[in-house]
């Protein structure tokens, strides 16, 4: 378990990255949207609404609303599963990859600035 000082340092890094993110001109994602996006990009596909709902322990309608927003921003794409036409697959996009790459750089920069 992290010590109090470690917790404060981690939160400071996260705060730095979030603050820089909202100052930029890109999308301002909610914590739920960011959790879904990171899950899609960091865990192996395939991804479905049902699977994301189960992984994150949130409702399917909440996942769907987040995916609607991220779809409009072109951070993810939804495609009908050809093997099971009832299912919709959630897929990565180039724009989503770039967004997360840039966000990772913000976290790295925030971590550098937070170190003594």
PDB file of N, CA and C in Angstrom:
ATOM      1  N   UNK A   1       0.842  -1.188   0.000  1.00  0.00           N
ATOM      2  CA  UNK A   1       0.000   0.000   0.000  1.00  0.00           C
ATOM      3  C   UNK A   1       0.881   1.243   0.000  1.00  0.00           C
ATOM      4  N   UNK A   2       0.451   2.248  -0.752  1.00  0.00           N
ATOM      5  CA  UNK A   2       1.216   3.482  -0.887  1.00  0.00           C
ATOM      6  C   UNK A   2       1.165   4.283   0.412  1.00  0.00           C
ATOM      7  N   UNK A   3       2.271   4.976   0.681  1.00  0.00           N
ATOM      8  CA  UNK A   3       2.325   5.853   1.855  1.00  0.00           C
ATOM      9  C   UNK A   3       1.571   7.144   1.556  1.00  0.00           C
ATOM     10  N   UNK A   4       1.351   7.926   2.576  1.00  0.00           N
ATOM     11  CA  UNK A   4       0.672   9.201   2.395  1.00  0.00           C
ATOM     12  C   UNK A   4       1.408  10.103   1.417  1.00  0.00           C
ATOM     13  N   UNK A   5       2.737  10.144   1.519  1.00  0.00           N
ATOM     14  CA  UNK A   5       3.538  10.982   0.614  1.00  0.00           C
ATOM     15  C   UNK A   5       3.437  10.473  -0.827  1.00  0.00           C
ATOM     16  N   UNK A   6       3.441   9.149  -1.010  1.00  0.00           N
ATOM     17  CA  UNK A   6       3.330   8.572  -2.358  1.00  0.00           C
ATOM     18  C   UNK A   6       1.960   8.875  -2.963  1.00  0.00           C
ATOM     19  N   UNK A   7       0.931   8.782  -2.143  1.00  0.00           N
ATOM     20  CA  UNK A   7      -0.427   9.082  -2.613  1.00  0.00           C
ATOM     21  C   UNK A   7      -0.516  10.533  -3.063  1.00  0.00           C
ATOM     22  N   UNK A   8       0.031  11.434  -2.262  1.00  0.00           N
ATOM     23  CA  UNK A   8      -0.002  12.855  -2.627  1.00  0.00           C
ATOM     24  C   UNK A   8       0.777  13.108  -3.910  1.00  0.00           C
ATOM     25  N   UNK A   9       1.909  12.429  -4.088  1.00  0.00           N
ATOM     26  CA  UNK A   9       2.699  12.608  -5.303  1.00  0.00           C
ATOM     27  C   UNK A   9       1.935  12.101  -6.527  1.00  0.00           C
ATOM     28  N   UNK A  10       1.316  10.929  -6.405  1.00  0.00           N
ATOM     29  CA  UNK A  10       0.538  10.388  -7.519  1.00  0.00           C
ATOM     30  C   UNK A  10      -0.633  11.300  -7.882  1.00  0.00           C
ATOM     31  N   UNK A  11      -1.322  11.786  -6.878  1.00  0.00           N
ATOM     32  CA  UNK A  11      -2.445  12.693  -7.126  1.00  0.00           C
ATOM     33  C   UNK A  11      -1.975  14.008  -7.740  1.00  0.00           C
ATOM     34  N   UNK A  12      -0.814  14.467  -7.339  1.00  0.00           N
ATOM     35  CA  UNK A  12      -0.255  15.692  -7.898  1.00  0.00           C
ATOM     36  C   UNK A  12       0.083  15.514  -9.377  1.00  0.00           C
ATOM     37  N   UNK A  13       0.645  14.362  -9.720  1.00  0.00           N
ATOM     38  CA  UNK A  13       0.956  14.060 -11.121  1.00  0.00           C
ATOM     39  C   UNK A  13      -0.340  14.004 -11.927  1.00  0.00           C
ATOM     40  N   UNK A  14      -1.335  13.302 -11.402  1.00  0.00           N
ATOM     41  CA  UNK A  14      -2.613  13.190 -12.107  1.00  0.00           C
ATOM     42  C   UNK A  14      -3.242  14.574 -12.281  1.00  0.00           C
ATOM     43  N   UNK A  15      -3.213  15.383 -11.234  1.00  0.00           N
ATOM     44  CA  UNK A  15      -3.758  16.739 -11.307  1.00  0.00           C
ATOM     45  C   UNK A  15      -3.040  17.543 -12.383  1.00  0.00           C
ATOM     46  N   UNK A  16      -1.724  17.472 -12.414  1.00  0.00           N
ATOM     47  CA  UNK A  16      -0.960  18.207 -13.418  1.00  0.00           C
ATOM     48  C   UNK A  16      -1.349  17.820 -14.834  1.00  0.00           C
ATOM     49  N   UNK A  17      -1.502  16.523 -15.059  1.00  0.00           N
ATOM     50  CA  UNK A  17      -1.876  16.037 -16.394  1.00  0.00           C
ATOM     51  C   UNK A  17      -3.298  16.473 -16.750  1.00  0.00           C
ATOM     52  N   UNK A  18      -4.220  16.362 -15.819  1.00  0.00           N
ATOM     53  CA  UNK A  18      -5.612  16.753 -16.067  1.00  0.00           C
ATOM     54  C   UNK A  18      -5.713  18.260 -16.322  1.00  0.00           C
ATOM     55  N   UNK A  19      -5.035  19.058 -15.511  1.00  0.00           N
ATOM     56  CA  UNK A  19      -5.085  20.511 -15.692  1.00  0.00           C
ATOM     57  C   UNK A  19      -4.546  20.909 -17.056  1.00  0.00           C
ATOM     58  N   UNK A  20      -3.428  20.323 -17.462  1.00  0.00           N
ATOM     59  CA  UNK A  20      -2.871  20.634 -18.782  1.00  0.00           C
ATOM     60  C   UNK A  20      -3.811  20.161 -19.884  1.00  0.00           C
ATOM     61  N   UNK A  21      -4.454  19.022 -19.676  1.00  0.00           N
ATOM     62  CA  UNK A  21      -5.380  18.482 -20.668  1.00  0.00           C
ATOM     63  C   UNK A  21      -6.554  19.421 -20.912  1.00  0.00           C
ATOM     64  N   UNK A  22      -7.126  19.978 -19.839  1.00  0.00           N
ATOM     65  CA  UNK A  22      -8.288  20.857 -20.014  1.00  0.00           C
ATOM     66  C   UNK A  22      -7.906  22.220 -20.576  1.00  0.00           C
ATOM     67  N   UNK A  23      -6.633  22.588 -20.480  1.00  0.00           N
ATOM     68  CA  UNK A  23      -6.169  23.850 -21.067  1.00  0.00           C
ATOM     69  C   UNK A  23      -6.018  23.743 -22.578  1.00  0.00           C
ATOM     70  N   UNK A  24      -5.904  22.541 -23.068  1.00  0.00           N
ATOM     71  CA  UNK A  24      -5.695  22.333 -24.499  1.00  0.00           C
ATOM     72  C   UNK A  24      -7.020  22.377 -25.253  1.00  0.00           C
ATOM     73  N   UNK A  25      -6.908  22.339 -26.562  1.00  0.00           N
ATOM     74  CA  UNK A  25      -8.082  22.498 -27.412  1.00  0.00           C
ATOM     75  C   UNK A  25      -8.802  21.178 -27.714  1.00  0.00           C
ATOM     76  N   UNK A  26      -8.319  20.066 -27.189  1.00  0.00           N
ATOM     77  CA  UNK A  26      -8.902  18.770 -27.508  1.00  0.00           C
ATOM     78  C   UNK A  26     -10.116  18.444 -26.660  1.00  0.00           C
ATOM     79  N   UNK A  27     -10.618  17.223 -26.802  1.00  0.00           N
ATOM     80  CA  UNK A  27     -11.798  16.785 -26.040  1.00  0.00           C
ATOM     81  C   UNK A  27     -11.528  16.781 -24.532  1.00  0.00           C
ATOM     82  N   UNK A  28     -12.536  17.120 -23.778  1.00  0.00           N
ATOM     83  CA  UNK A  28     -12.484  17.106 -22.317  1.00  0.00           C
ATOM     84  C   UNK A  28     -13.343  15.938 -21.855  1.00  0.00           C
ATOM     85  N   UNK A  29     -12.733  14.765 -21.706  1.00  0.00           N
ATOM     86  CA  UNK A  29     -13.484  13.551 -21.382  1.00  0.00           C
ATOM     87  C   UNK A  29     -13.774  13.446 -19.894  1.00  0.00           C
ATOM     88  N   UNK A  30     -14.919  12.858 -19.570  1.00  0.00           N
ATOM     89  CA  UNK A  30     -15.249  12.569 -18.184  1.00  0.00           C
ATOM     90  C   UNK A  30     -14.398  11.392 -17.708  1.00  0.00           C
ATOM     91  N   UNK A  31     -14.374  11.172 -16.413  1.00  0.00           N
ATOM     92  CA  UNK A  31     -13.627  10.039 -15.860  1.00  0.00           C
ATOM     93  C   UNK A  31     -14.157   8.718 -16.425  1.00  0.00           C
ATOM     94  N   UNK A  32     -15.468   8.604 -16.564  1.00  0.00           N
ATOM     95  CA  UNK A  32     -16.074   7.390 -17.115  1.00  0.00           C
ATOM     96  C   UNK A  32     -15.637   7.178 -18.564  1.00  0.00           C
ATOM     97  N   UNK A  33     -15.703   8.241 -19.356  1.00  0.00           N
ATOM     98  CA  UNK A  33     -15.289   8.133 -20.755  1.00  0.00           C
ATOM     99  C   UNK A  33     -13.816   7.746 -20.863  1.00  0.00           C
ATOM    100  N   UNK A  34     -12.974   8.362 -20.029  1.00  0.00           N
ATOM    101  CA  UNK A  34     -11.549   8.045 -20.056  1.00  0.00           C
ATOM    102  C   UNK A  34     -11.311   6.596 -19.630  1.00  0.00           C
ATOM    103  N   UNK A  35     -12.032   6.106 -18.637  1.00  0.00           N
ATOM    104  CA  UNK A  35     -11.883   4.713 -18.207  1.00  0.00           C
ATOM    105  C   UNK A  35     -12.259   3.747 -19.331  1.00  0.00           C
ATOM    106  N   UNK A  36     -13.325   4.050 -20.025  1.00  0.00           N
ATOM    107  CA  UNK A  36     -13.752   3.202 -21.142  1.00  0.00           C
ATOM    108  C   UNK A  36     -12.722   3.258 -22.262  1.00  0.00           C
ATOM    109  N   UNK A  37     -12.283   4.465 -22.604  1.00  0.00           N
ATOM    110  CA  UNK A  37     -11.306   4.625 -23.680  1.00  0.00           C
ATOM    111  C   UNK A  37     -10.010   3.878 -23.358  1.00  0.00           C
ATOM    112  N   UNK A  38      -9.524   4.026 -22.143  1.00  0.00           N
ATOM    113  CA  UNK A  38      -8.295   3.328 -21.746  1.00  0.00           C
ATOM    114  C   UNK A  38      -8.482   1.814 -21.770  1.00  0.00           C
ATOM    115  N   UNK A  39      -9.646   1.351 -21.381  1.00  0.00           N
ATOM    116  CA  UNK A  39      -9.922  -0.088 -21.417  1.00  0.00           C
ATOM    117  C   UNK A  39      -9.883  -0.598 -22.851  1.00  0.00           C
ATOM    118  N   UNK A  40     -10.486   0.137 -23.769  1.00  0.00           N
ATOM    119  CA  UNK A  40     -10.497  -0.270 -25.181  1.00  0.00           C
ATOM    120  C   UNK A  40      -9.081  -0.297 -25.747  1.00  0.00           C
ATOM    121  N   UNK A  41      -8.262   0.660 -25.357  1.00  0.00           N
ATOM    122  CA  UNK A  41      -6.917   0.771 -25.933  1.00  0.00           C
ATOM    123  C   UNK A  41      -5.875  -0.074 -25.213  1.00  0.00           C
ATOM    124  N   UNK A  42      -6.084  -0.385 -23.946  1.00  0.00           N
ATOM    125  CA  UNK A  42      -5.054  -1.104 -23.188  1.00  0.00           C
ATOM    126  C   UNK A  42      -5.316  -2.594 -23.022  1.00  0.00           C
ATOM    127  N   UNK A  43      -6.519  -3.032 -23.265  1.00  0.00           N
ATOM    128  CA  UNK A  43      -6.801  -4.459 -23.143  1.00  0.00           C
ATOM    129  C   UNK A  43      -7.123  -5.022 -24.526  1.00  0.00           C
ATOM    130  N   UNK A  44      -6.814  -6.292 -24.722  1.00  0.00           N
ATOM    131  CA  UNK A  44      -6.982  -6.869 -26.058  1.00  0.00           C
ATOM    132  C   UNK A  44      -8.447  -6.934 -26.493  1.00  0.00           C
ATOM    133  N   UNK A  45      -8.686  -6.679 -27.792  1.00  0.00           N
ATOM    134  CA  UNK A  45     -10.045  -6.791 -28.325  1.00  0.00           C
ATOM    135  C   UNK A  45     -10.454  -8.247 -28.420  1.00  0.00           C
ATOM    136  N   UNK A  46     -11.701  -8.533 -28.662  1.00  0.00           N
ATOM    137  CA  UNK A  46     -12.771  -7.599 -29.020  1.00  0.00           C
ATOM    138  C   UNK A  46     -13.392  -6.952 -27.785  1.00  0.00           C
ATOM    139  N   UNK A  47     -13.993  -5.796 -28.015  1.00  0.00           N
ATOM    140  CA  UNK A  47     -14.698  -5.061 -26.966  1.00  0.00           C
ATOM    141  C   UNK A  47     -16.149  -4.870 -27.392  1.00  0.00           C
ATOM    142  N   UNK A  48     -17.044  -5.111 -26.468  1.00  0.00           N
ATOM    143  CA  UNK A  48     -18.468  -4.903 -26.686  1.00  0.00           C
ATOM    144  C   UNK A  48     -19.025  -4.078 -25.528  1.00  0.00           C
ATOM    145  N   UNK A  49     -20.215  -3.537 -25.702  1.00  0.00           N
ATOM    146  CA  UNK A  49     -20.859  -2.802 -24.616  1.00  0.00           C
ATOM    147  C   UNK A  49     -21.008  -3.717 -23.402  1.00  0.00           C
ATOM    148  N   UNK A  50     -21.476  -4.935 -23.641  1.00  0.00           N
ATOM    149  CA  UNK A  50     -21.661  -5.884 -22.539  1.00  0.00           C
ATOM    150  C   UNK A  50     -20.332  -6.156 -21.814  1.00  0.00           C
ATOM    151  N   UNK A  51     -19.276  -6.361 -22.583  1.00  0.00           N
ATOM    152  CA  UNK A  51     -17.967  -6.643 -21.993  1.00  0.00           C
ATOM    153  C   UNK A  51     -17.407  -5.465 -21.223  1.00  0.00           C
ATOM    154  N   UNK A  52     -17.521  -4.269 -21.792  1.00  0.00           N
ATOM    155  CA  UNK A  52     -17.039  -3.078 -21.102  1.00  0.00           C
ATOM    156  C   UNK A  52     -17.833  -2.828 -19.827  1.00  0.00           C
ATOM    157  N   UNK A  53     -19.135  -3.045 -19.904  1.00  0.00           N
ATOM    158  CA  UNK A  53     -19.995  -2.894 -18.729  1.00  0.00           C
ATOM    159  C   UNK A  53     -19.553  -3.838 -17.611  1.00  0.00           C
ATOM    160  N   UNK A  54     -19.287  -5.077 -17.978  1.00  0.00           N
ATOM    161  CA  UNK A  54     -18.855  -6.067 -16.976  1.00  0.00           C
ATOM    162  C   UNK A  54     -17.469  -5.733 -16.433  1.00  0.00           C
ATOM    163  N   UNK A  55     -16.535  -5.383 -17.316  1.00  0.00           N
ATOM    164  CA  UNK A  55     -15.164  -5.063 -16.884  1.00  0.00           C
ATOM    165  C   UNK A  55     -15.126  -3.889 -15.913  1.00  0.00           C
ATOM    166  N   UNK A  56     -15.901  -2.853 -16.228  1.00  0.00           N
ATOM    167  CA  UNK A  56     -15.857  -1.631 -15.425  1.00  0.00           C
ATOM    168  C   UNK A  56     -16.912  -1.589 -14.319  1.00  0.00           C
ATOM    169  N   UNK A  57     -17.797  -2.584 -14.328  1.00  0.00           N
ATOM    170  CA  UNK A  57     -18.860  -2.672 -13.317  1.00  0.00           C
ATOM    171  C   UNK A  57     -19.742  -1.416 -13.324  1.00  0.00           C
ATOM    172  N   UNK A  58     -20.148  -1.028 -14.550  1.00  0.00           N
ATOM    173  CA  UNK A  58     -21.083   0.070 -14.731  1.00  0.00           C
ATOM    174  C   UNK A  58     -22.182  -0.407 -15.682  1.00  0.00           C
ATOM    175  N   UNK A  59     -23.279   0.312 -15.723  1.00  0.00           N
ATOM    176  CA  UNK A  59     -24.415  -0.142 -16.522  1.00  0.00           C
ATOM    177  C   UNK A  59     -24.139  -0.051 -18.020  1.00  0.00           C
ATOM    178  N   UNK A  60     -24.832  -0.894 -18.775  1.00  0.00           N
ATOM    179  CA  UNK A  60     -24.718  -0.851 -20.237  1.00  0.00           C
ATOM    180  C   UNK A  60     -25.183   0.499 -20.798  1.00  0.00           C
ATOM    181  N   UNK A  61     -26.279   1.101 -20.283  1.00  0.00           N
ATOM    182  CA  UNK A  61     -26.656   2.423 -20.799  1.00  0.00           C
ATOM    183  C   UNK A  61     -25.570   3.484 -20.559  1.00  0.00           C
ATOM    184  N   UNK A  62     -24.871   3.398 -19.425  1.00  0.00           N
ATOM    185  CA  UNK A  62     -23.786   4.353 -19.149  1.00  0.00           C
ATOM    186  C   UNK A  62     -22.651   4.170 -20.150  1.00  0.00           C
ATOM    187  N   UNK A  63     -22.332   2.931 -20.479  1.00  0.00           N
ATOM    188  CA  UNK A  63     -21.299   2.653 -21.478  1.00  0.00           C
ATOM    189  C   UNK A  63     -21.749   3.188 -22.838  1.00  0.00           C
ATOM    190  N   UNK A  64     -22.987   2.926 -23.194  1.00  0.00           N
ATOM    191  CA  UNK A  64     -23.514   3.370 -24.484  1.00  0.00           C
ATOM    192  C   UNK A  64     -23.468   4.891 -24.613  1.00  0.00           C
ATOM    193  N   UNK A  65     -23.853   5.609 -23.562  1.00  0.00           N
ATOM    194  CA  UNK A  65     -23.812   7.084 -23.605  1.00  0.00           C
ATOM    195  C   UNK A  65     -22.380   7.574 -23.800  1.00  0.00           C
ATOM    196  N   UNK A  66     -21.450   6.969 -23.085  1.00  0.00           N
ATOM    197  CA  UNK A  66     -20.043   7.363 -23.224  1.00  0.00           C
ATOM    198  C   UNK A  66     -19.530   7.059 -24.628  1.00  0.00           C
ATOM    199  N   UNK A  67     -19.897   5.902 -25.160  1.00  0.00           N
ATOM    200  CA  UNK A  67     -19.471   5.536 -26.513  1.00  0.00           C
ATOM    201  C   UNK A  67     -20.084   6.459 -27.563  1.00  0.00           C
ATOM    202  N   UNK A  68     -21.329   6.903 -27.333  1.00  0.00           N
ATOM    203  CA  UNK A  68     -21.961   7.855 -28.252  1.00  0.00           C
ATOM    204  C   UNK A  68     -21.109   9.123 -28.360  1.00  0.00           C
ATOM    205  N   UNK A  69     -20.715   9.659 -27.222  1.00  0.00           N
ATOM    206  CA  UNK A  69     -19.898  10.871 -27.201  1.00  0.00           C
ATOM    207  C   UNK A  69     -18.539  10.630 -27.846  1.00  0.00           C
ATOM    208  N   UNK A  70     -17.893   9.550 -27.474  1.00  0.00           N
ATOM    209  CA  UNK A  70     -16.561   9.276 -28.017  1.00  0.00           C
ATOM    210  C   UNK A  70     -16.617   8.929 -29.504  1.00  0.00           C
ATOM    211  N   UNK A  71     -17.727   8.381 -29.947  1.00  0.00           N
ATOM    212  CA  UNK A  71     -17.918   8.124 -31.377  1.00  0.00           C
ATOM    213  C   UNK A  71     -18.023   9.420 -32.157  1.00  0.00           C
ATOM    214  N   UNK A  72     -18.772  10.390 -31.599  1.00  0.00           N
ATOM    215  CA  UNK A  72     -18.884  11.699 -32.252  1.00  0.00           C
ATOM    216  C   UNK A  72     -17.517  12.392 -32.332  1.00  0.00           C
ATOM    217  N   UNK A  73     -16.678  12.149 -31.320  1.00  0.00           N
ATOM    218  CA  UNK A  73     -15.332  12.731 -31.298  1.00  0.00           C
ATOM    219  C   UNK A  73     -14.333  11.914 -32.135  1.00  0.00           C
ATOM    220  N   UNK A  74     -14.814  10.785 -32.666  1.00  0.00           N
ATOM    221  CA  UNK A  74     -14.007   9.869 -33.483  1.00  0.00           C
ATOM    222  C   UNK A  74     -12.845   9.235 -32.709  1.00  0.00           C
ATOM    223  N   UNK A  75     -13.036   9.074 -31.387  1.00  0.00           N
ATOM    224  CA  UNK A  75     -12.023   8.422 -30.564  1.00  0.00           C
ATOM    225  C   UNK A  75     -12.187   6.911 -30.573  1.00  0.00           C
ATOM    226  N   UNK A  76     -13.388   6.464 -30.882  1.00  0.00           N
ATOM    227  CA  UNK A  76     -13.689   5.039 -31.052  1.00  0.00           C
ATOM    228  C   UNK A  76     -14.626   4.910 -32.245  1.00  0.00           C
ATOM    229  N   UNK A  77     -14.803   3.666 -32.690  1.00  0.00           N
ATOM    230  CA  UNK A  77     -15.735   3.372 -33.783  1.00  0.00           C
ATOM    231  C   UNK A  77     -16.509   2.119 -33.368  1.00  0.00           C
ATOM    232  N   UNK A  78     -17.771   2.081 -33.730  1.00  0.00           N
ATOM    233  CA  UNK A  78     -18.577   0.880 -33.475  1.00  0.00           C
ATOM    234  C   UNK A  78     -18.897   0.215 -34.799  1.00  0.00           C
ATOM    235  N   UNK A  79     -18.758  -1.107 -34.807  1.00  0.00           N
ATOM    236  CA  UNK A  79     -19.045  -1.916 -36.003  1.00  0.00           C
ATOM    237  C   UNK A  79     -19.868  -3.130 -35.598  1.00  0.00           C
ATOM    238  N   UNK A  80     -20.796  -3.493 -36.439  1.00  0.00           N
ATOM    239  CA  UNK A  80     -21.591  -4.701 -36.213  1.00  0.00           C
ATOM    240  C   UNK A  80     -20.656  -5.910 -36.312  1.00  0.00           C
ATOM    241  N   UNK A  81     -20.753  -6.820 -35.372  1.00  0.00           N
ATOM    242  CA  UNK A  81     -19.959  -8.058 -35.383  1.00  0.00           C
ATOM    243  C   UNK A  81     -20.501  -8.964 -36.480  1.00  0.00           C
ATOM    244  N   UNK A  82     -19.679  -9.277 -37.455  1.00  0.00           N
ATOM    245  CA  UNK A  82     -20.122 -10.116 -38.573  1.00  0.00           C
ATOM    246  C   UNK A  82     -20.423 -11.549 -38.131  1.00  0.00           C
ATOM    247  N   UNK A  83     -19.761 -12.000 -37.070  1.00  0.00           N
ATOM    248  CA  UNK A  83     -19.998 -13.360 -36.567  1.00  0.00           C
ATOM    249  C   UNK A  83     -21.301 -13.452 -35.779  1.00  0.00           C
ATOM    250  N   UNK A  84     -21.683 -12.367 -35.101  1.00  0.00           N
ATOM    251  CA  UNK A  84     -22.910 -12.324 -34.310  1.00  0.00           C
ATOM    252  C   UNK A  84     -23.572 -10.971 -34.565  1.00  0.00           C
ATOM    253  N   UNK A  85     -24.475 -10.922 -35.493  1.00  0.00           N
ATOM    254  CA  UNK A  85     -25.069  -9.666 -35.946  1.00  0.00           C
ATOM    255  C   UNK A  85     -25.792  -8.896 -34.833  1.00  0.00           C
ATOM    256  N   UNK A  86     -26.081  -9.556 -33.712  1.00  0.00           N
ATOM    257  CA  UNK A  86     -26.734  -8.864 -32.591  1.00  0.00           C
ATOM    258  C   UNK A  86     -25.737  -8.022 -31.798  1.00  0.00           C
ATOM    259  N   UNK A  87     -24.462  -8.319 -31.955  1.00  0.00           N
ATOM    260  CA  UNK A  87     -23.420  -7.687 -31.154  1.00  0.00           C
ATOM    261  C   UNK A  87     -22.731  -6.561 -31.928  1.00  0.00           C
ATOM    262  N   UNK A  88     -22.334  -5.522 -31.202  1.00  0.00           N
ATOM    263  CA  UNK A  88     -21.607  -4.402 -31.787  1.00  0.00           C
ATOM    264  C   UNK A  88     -20.221  -4.359 -31.156  1.00  0.00           C
ATOM    265  N   UNK A  89     -19.207  -4.306 -32.009  1.00  0.00           N
ATOM    266  CA  UNK A  89     -17.829  -4.241 -31.537  1.00  0.00           C
ATOM    267  C   UNK A  89     -17.384  -2.790 -31.399  1.00  0.00           C
ATOM    268  N   UNK A  90     -16.634  -2.517 -30.358  1.00  0.00           N
ATOM    269  CA  UNK A  90     -16.055  -1.198 -30.138  1.00  0.00           C
ATOM    270  C   UNK A  90     -14.604  -1.293 -30.578  1.00  0.00           C
ATOM    271  N   UNK A  91     -14.220  -0.400 -31.500  1.00  0.00           N
ATOM    272  CA  UNK A  91     -12.879  -0.477 -32.081  1.00  0.00           C
ATOM    273  C   UNK A  91     -12.100   0.814 -31.874  1.00  0.00           C
ATOM    274  N   UNK A  92     -10.797   0.679 -31.917  1.00  0.00           N
ATOM    275  CA  UNK A  92      -9.885   1.816 -31.813  1.00  0.00           C
ATOM    276  C   UNK A  92      -9.879   2.608 -33.119  1.00  0.00           C
ATOM    277  N   UNK A  93      -9.486   3.880 -33.022  1.00  0.00           N
ATOM    278  CA  UNK A  93      -9.326   4.724 -34.210  1.00  0.00           C
ATOM    279  C   UNK A  93      -7.956   5.407 -34.143  1.00  0.00           C
ATOM    280  N   UNK A  94      -7.523   5.923 -35.263  1.00  0.00           N
ATOM    281  CA  UNK A  94      -6.262   6.666 -35.295  1.00  0.00           C
ATOM    282  C   UNK A  94      -6.362   7.895 -34.398  1.00  0.00           C
ATOM    283  N   UNK A  95      -7.488   8.602 -34.478  1.00  0.00           N
ATOM    284  CA  UNK A  95      -7.679   9.810 -33.667  1.00  0.00           C
ATOM    285  C   UNK A  95      -7.641   9.472 -32.165  1.00  0.00           C
ATOM    286  N   UNK A  96      -8.217   8.350 -31.775  1.00  0.00           N
ATOM    287  CA  UNK A  96      -8.179   7.920 -30.382  1.00  0.00           C
ATOM    288  C   UNK A  96      -6.770   7.559 -29.944  1.00  0.00           C
ATOM    289  N   UNK A  97      -6.024   6.917 -30.818  1.00  0.00           N
ATOM    290  CA  UNK A  97      -4.635   6.551 -30.516  1.00  0.00           C
ATOM    291  C   UNK A  97      -3.793   7.813 -30.309  1.00  0.00           C
ATOM    292  N   UNK A  98      -3.977   8.789 -31.177  1.00  0.00           N
ATOM    293  CA  UNK A  98      -3.242  10.052 -31.051  1.00  0.00           C
ATOM    294  C   UNK A  98      -3.633  10.759 -29.751  1.00  0.00           C
ATOM    295  N   UNK A  99      -4.929  10.805 -29.443  1.00  0.00           N
ATOM    296  CA  UNK A  99      -5.403  11.450 -28.218  1.00  0.00           C
ATOM    297  C   UNK A  99      -4.736  10.831 -26.987  1.00  0.00           C
ATOM    298  N   UNK A 100      -4.722   9.501 -26.908  1.00  0.00           N
ATOM    299  CA  UNK A 100      -4.138   8.843 -25.733  1.00  0.00           C
ATOM    300  C   UNK A 100      -2.627   8.971 -25.706  1.00  0.00           C
ATOM    301  N   UNK A 101      -1.991   8.995 -26.854  1.00  0.00           N
ATOM    302  CA  UNK A 101      -0.546   9.199 -26.922  1.00  0.00           C
ATOM    303  C   UNK A 101      -0.183  10.573 -26.360  1.00  0.00           C
ATOM    304  N   UNK A 102      -0.942  11.574 -26.780  1.00  0.00           N
ATOM    305  CA  UNK A 102      -0.711  12.928 -26.284  1.00  0.00           C
ATOM    306  C   UNK A 102      -1.019  13.032 -24.797  1.00  0.00           C
ATOM    307  N   UNK A 103      -2.054  12.330 -24.339  1.00  0.00           N
ATOM    308  CA  UNK A 103      -2.376  12.349 -22.911  1.00  0.00           C
ATOM    309  C   UNK A 103      -1.263  11.677 -22.105  1.00  0.00           C
ATOM    310  N   UNK A 104      -0.711  10.588 -22.635  1.00  0.00           N
ATOM    311  CA  UNK A 104       0.409   9.914 -21.956  1.00  0.00           C
ATOM    312  C   UNK A 104       1.602  10.859 -21.826  1.00  0.00           C
ATOM    313  N   UNK A 105       1.831  11.670 -22.847  1.00  0.00           N
ATOM    314  CA  UNK A 105       2.912  12.660 -22.777  1.00  0.00           C
ATOM    315  C   UNK A 105       2.627  13.700 -21.693  1.00  0.00           C
ATOM    316  N   UNK A 106       1.359  14.105 -21.550  1.00  0.00           N
ATOM    317  CA  UNK A 106       0.989  15.042 -20.482  1.00  0.00           C
ATOM    318  C   UNK A 106       1.280  14.447 -19.108  1.00  0.00           C
ATOM    319  N   UNK A 107       0.967  13.159 -18.939  1.00  0.00           N
ATOM    320  CA  UNK A 107       1.231  12.488 -17.660  1.00  0.00           C
ATOM    321  C   UNK A 107       2.729  12.431 -17.406  1.00  0.00           C
ATOM    322  N   UNK A 108       3.505  12.069 -18.437  1.00  0.00           N
ATOM    323  CA  UNK A 108       4.963  11.988 -18.294  1.00  0.00           C
ATOM    324  C   UNK A 108       5.545  13.359 -17.941  1.00  0.00           C
ATOM    325  N   UNK A 109       5.079  14.415 -18.617  1.00  0.00           N
ATOM    326  CA  UNK A 109       5.552  15.776 -18.328  1.00  0.00           C
ATOM    327  C   UNK A 109       5.180  16.187 -16.904  1.00  0.00           C
ATOM    328  N   UNK A 110       3.965  15.867 -16.496  1.00  0.00           N
ATOM    329  CA  UNK A 110       3.515  16.206 -15.146  1.00  0.00           C
ATOM    330  C   UNK A 110       4.373  15.476 -14.100  1.00  0.00           C
ATOM    331  N   UNK A 111       4.733  14.238 -14.399  1.00  0.00           N
ATOM    332  CA  UNK A 111       5.561  13.473 -13.475  1.00  0.00           C
ATOM    333  C   UNK A 111       6.950  14.095 -13.364  1.00  0.00           C
ATOM    334  N   UNK A 112       7.512  14.510 -14.494  1.00  0.00           N
ATOM    335  CA  UNK A 112       8.839  15.166 -14.473  1.00  0.00           C
ATOM    336  C   UNK A 112       8.805  16.445 -13.673  1.00  0.00           C
ATOM    337  N   UNK A 113       7.742  17.237 -13.842  1.00  0.00           N
ATOM    338  CA  UNK A 113       7.639  18.511 -13.145  1.00  0.00           C
ATOM    339  C   UNK A 113       7.405  18.330 -11.645  1.00  0.00           C
ATOM    340  N   UNK A 114       6.822  17.194 -11.274  1.00  0.00           N
ATOM    341  CA  UNK A 114       6.490  16.951  -9.871  1.00  0.00           C
ATOM    342  C   UNK A 114       7.675  16.401  -9.078  1.00  0.00           C
ATOM    343  N   UNK A 115       8.684  15.925  -9.773  1.00  0.00           N
ATOM    344  CA  UNK A 115       9.839  15.334  -9.078  1.00  0.00           C
ATOM    345  C   UNK A 115      10.761  16.414  -8.562  1.00  0.00           C
ATOM    346  N   UNK A 116      11.318  16.196  -7.359  1.00  0.00           N
ATOM    347  CA  UNK A 116      12.213  17.207  -6.757  1.00  0.00           C
ATOM    348  C   UNK A 116      13.524  17.337  -7.494  1.00  0.00           C
TER     349      UNK A 116
END
